[in-house]
């Protein structure tokens, strides 16, 4: 009986700790990860149209020079804390390419 309670408690804590992107991904995460991905300073672009869907956060980036990018990150909470991926960005009007193959 005690074993069942412990297993149920562990399961509930894992499901409670896993979170969606709207809670895991902050504006600071978006700015820092986008700046790193694009090789720019945070003051060189603006972020707009944030959309959270499950663990994925999609958003638009417009640079001060007028370039536009579609970007996304994934984020969740786990037993070890908050985890947010690097930003994946593609310039609008250009074919999406795998950043690892550049």
C-alpha atoms as a PDB file:
ATOM      1  CA  UNK A   1       0.000   0.000   0.000  1.00  0.00           C
ATOM      2  CA  UNK A   2       2.779   2.437   0.925  1.00  0.00           C
ATOM      3  CA  UNK A   3       4.594   1.537  -2.283  1.00  0.00           C
ATOM      4  CA  UNK A   4       1.491   2.466  -4.326  1.00  0.00           C
ATOM      5  CA  UNK A   5       1.246   5.821  -2.573  1.00  0.00           C
ATOM      6  CA  UNK A   6       4.938   6.563  -3.189  1.00  0.00           C
ATOM      7  CA  UNK A   7       4.697   5.617  -6.879  1.00  0.00           C
ATOM      8  CA  UNK A   8       1.573   7.757  -7.278  1.00  0.00           C
ATOM      9  CA  UNK A   9       3.299  10.675  -5.541  1.00  0.00           C
ATOM     10  CA  UNK A  10       6.358  10.425  -7.789  1.00  0.00           C
ATOM     11  CA  UNK A  11       4.156  10.279 -10.901  1.00  0.00           C
ATOM     12  CA  UNK A  12       2.141  13.308  -9.810  1.00  0.00           C
ATOM     13  CA  UNK A  13       5.260  15.328  -9.054  1.00  0.00           C
ATOM     14  CA  UNK A  14       6.693  14.588 -12.521  1.00  0.00           C
ATOM     15  CA  UNK A  15       3.475  15.556 -14.271  1.00  0.00           C
ATOM     16  CA  UNK A  16       3.098  18.668 -12.140  1.00  0.00           C
ATOM     17  CA  UNK A  17       6.687  19.791 -12.685  1.00  0.00           C
ATOM     18  CA  UNK A  18       6.559  19.461 -16.458  1.00  0.00           C
ATOM     19  CA  UNK A  19       5.186  22.709 -17.808  1.00  0.00           C
ATOM     20  CA  UNK A  20       4.230  24.365 -21.018  1.00  0.00           C
ATOM     21  CA  UNK A  21       6.172  27.023 -22.871  1.00  0.00           C
ATOM     22  CA  UNK A  22       3.956  29.880 -21.683  1.00  0.00           C
ATOM     23  CA  UNK A  23       5.265  29.320 -18.163  1.00  0.00           C
ATOM     24  CA  UNK A  24       8.777  28.046 -18.907  1.00  0.00           C
ATOM     25  CA  UNK A  25       9.867  30.593 -21.544  1.00  0.00           C
ATOM     26  CA  UNK A  26      10.265  34.185 -20.380  1.00  0.00           C
ATOM     27  CA  UNK A  27      10.814  37.305 -22.463  1.00  0.00           C
ATOM     28  CA  UNK A  28      14.408  37.334 -21.247  1.00  0.00           C
ATOM     29  CA  UNK A  29      14.924  33.813 -22.595  1.00  0.00           C
ATOM     30  CA  UNK A  30      13.578  34.889 -25.976  1.00  0.00           C
ATOM     31  CA  UNK A  31      15.833  37.943 -26.139  1.00  0.00           C
ATOM     32  CA  UNK A  32      19.013  36.166 -25.006  1.00  0.00           C
ATOM     33  CA  UNK A  33      18.548  33.042 -27.136  1.00  0.00           C
ATOM     34  CA  UNK A  34      17.576  35.084 -30.216  1.00  0.00           C
ATOM     35  CA  UNK A  35      20.552  37.420 -29.801  1.00  0.00           C
ATOM     36  CA  UNK A  36      22.854  34.414 -29.639  1.00  0.00           C
ATOM     37  CA  UNK A  37      21.211  32.681 -32.604  1.00  0.00           C
ATOM     38  CA  UNK A  38      21.330  35.760 -34.848  1.00  0.00           C
ATOM     39  CA  UNK A  39      24.704  36.992 -33.595  1.00  0.00           C
ATOM     40  CA  UNK A  40      23.277  40.371 -32.611  1.00  0.00           C
ATOM     41  CA  UNK A  41      22.958  42.506 -29.524  1.00  0.00           C
ATOM     42  CA  UNK A  42      19.584  42.443 -27.751  1.00  0.00           C
ATOM     43  CA  UNK A  43      19.086  46.115 -28.639  1.00  0.00           C
ATOM     44  CA  UNK A  44      19.390  45.358 -32.395  1.00  0.00           C
ATOM     45  CA  UNK A  45      15.949  43.732 -32.769  1.00  0.00           C
ATOM     46  CA  UNK A  46      12.390  43.610 -31.445  1.00  0.00           C
ATOM     47  CA  UNK A  47      10.264  40.549 -30.732  1.00  0.00           C
ATOM     48  CA  UNK A  48       6.542  40.433 -31.494  1.00  0.00           C
ATOM     49  CA  UNK A  49       3.602  38.066 -32.081  1.00  0.00           C
ATOM     50  CA  UNK A  50       4.538  35.502 -29.438  1.00  0.00           C
ATOM     51  CA  UNK A  51       2.462  32.317 -29.707  1.00  0.00           C
ATOM     52  CA  UNK A  52       2.714  29.510 -27.146  1.00  0.00           C
ATOM     53  CA  UNK A  53       1.628  26.026 -28.189  1.00  0.00           C
ATOM     54  CA  UNK A  54       2.470  23.153 -25.870  1.00  0.00           C
ATOM     55  CA  UNK A  55       6.223  23.295 -25.288  1.00  0.00           C
ATOM     56  CA  UNK A  56       6.909  25.446 -28.381  1.00  0.00           C
ATOM     57  CA  UNK A  57       6.974  29.250 -28.437  1.00  0.00           C
ATOM     58  CA  UNK A  58       6.922  30.854 -31.905  1.00  0.00           C
ATOM     59  CA  UNK A  59       7.542  34.555 -32.471  1.00  0.00           C
ATOM     60  CA  UNK A  60       8.601  37.147 -35.037  1.00  0.00           C
ATOM     61  CA  UNK A  61      11.814  39.181 -34.953  1.00  0.00           C
ATOM     62  CA  UNK A  62      12.432  42.458 -36.753  1.00  0.00           C
ATOM     63  CA  UNK A  63      15.938  43.892 -36.762  1.00  0.00           C
ATOM     64  CA  UNK A  64      16.721  47.600 -36.678  1.00  0.00           C
ATOM     65  CA  UNK A  65      17.980  47.244 -40.278  1.00  0.00           C
ATOM     66  CA  UNK A  66      14.555  45.897 -41.382  1.00  0.00           C
ATOM     67  CA  UNK A  67      15.264  42.166 -41.708  1.00  0.00           C
ATOM     68  CA  UNK A  68      12.485  39.900 -40.478  1.00  0.00           C
ATOM     69  CA  UNK A  69      12.804  36.412 -39.000  1.00  0.00           C
ATOM     70  CA  UNK A  70      10.407  33.702 -37.869  1.00  0.00           C
ATOM     71  CA  UNK A  71      11.788  32.024 -34.766  1.00  0.00           C
ATOM     72  CA  UNK A  72      10.896  29.451 -32.153  1.00  0.00           C
ATOM     73  CA  UNK A  73      12.195  27.959 -28.937  1.00  0.00           C
ATOM     74  CA  UNK A  74      10.974  25.080 -26.832  1.00  0.00           C
ATOM     75  CA  UNK A  75      10.732  25.213 -23.076  1.00  0.00           C
ATOM     76  CA  UNK A  76       9.613  23.099 -20.173  1.00  0.00           C
ATOM     77  CA  UNK A  77      10.087  22.493 -16.468  1.00  0.00           C
ATOM     78  CA  UNK A  78      11.550  19.228 -15.303  1.00  0.00           C
ATOM     79  CA  UNK A  79      12.822  17.717 -12.114  1.00  0.00           C
ATOM     80  CA  UNK A  80      16.138  19.548 -12.654  1.00  0.00           C
ATOM     81  CA  UNK A  81      14.522  22.929 -13.316  1.00  0.00           C
ATOM     82  CA  UNK A  82      13.616  25.105 -16.268  1.00  0.00           C
ATOM     83  CA  UNK A  83      14.963  24.160 -19.707  1.00  0.00           C
ATOM     84  CA  UNK A  84      14.753  26.427 -22.771  1.00  0.00           C
ATOM     85  CA  UNK A  85      16.232  25.495 -26.141  1.00  0.00           C
ATOM     86  CA  UNK A  86      18.335  27.661 -28.406  1.00  0.00           C
ATOM     87  CA  UNK A  87      16.356  29.863 -30.784  1.00  0.00           C
ATOM     88  CA  UNK A  88      15.845  28.525 -34.293  1.00  0.00           C
ATOM     89  CA  UNK A  89      15.339  31.422 -36.722  1.00  0.00           C
ATOM     90  CA  UNK A  90      14.737  31.623 -40.461  1.00  0.00           C
ATOM     91  CA  UNK A  91      14.765  34.827 -42.451  1.00  0.00           C
ATOM     92  CA  UNK A  92      11.350  35.581 -43.949  1.00  0.00           C
ATOM     93  CA  UNK A  93      11.155  34.981 -47.671  1.00  0.00           C
ATOM     94  CA  UNK A  94      14.045  32.514 -47.692  1.00  0.00           C
ATOM     95  CA  UNK A  95      13.991  28.737 -47.548  1.00  0.00           C
ATOM     96  CA  UNK A  96      14.442  27.237 -44.116  1.00  0.00           C
ATOM     97  CA  UNK A  97      17.827  25.576 -43.716  1.00  0.00           C
ATOM     98  CA  UNK A  98      19.170  23.346 -41.017  1.00  0.00           C
ATOM     99  CA  UNK A  99      21.499  25.553 -38.921  1.00  0.00           C
ATOM    100  CA  UNK A 100      23.793  22.575 -38.318  1.00  0.00           C
ATOM    101  CA  UNK A 101      24.471  22.234 -42.033  1.00  0.00           C
ATOM    102  CA  UNK A 102      25.586  25.812 -42.672  1.00  0.00           C
END
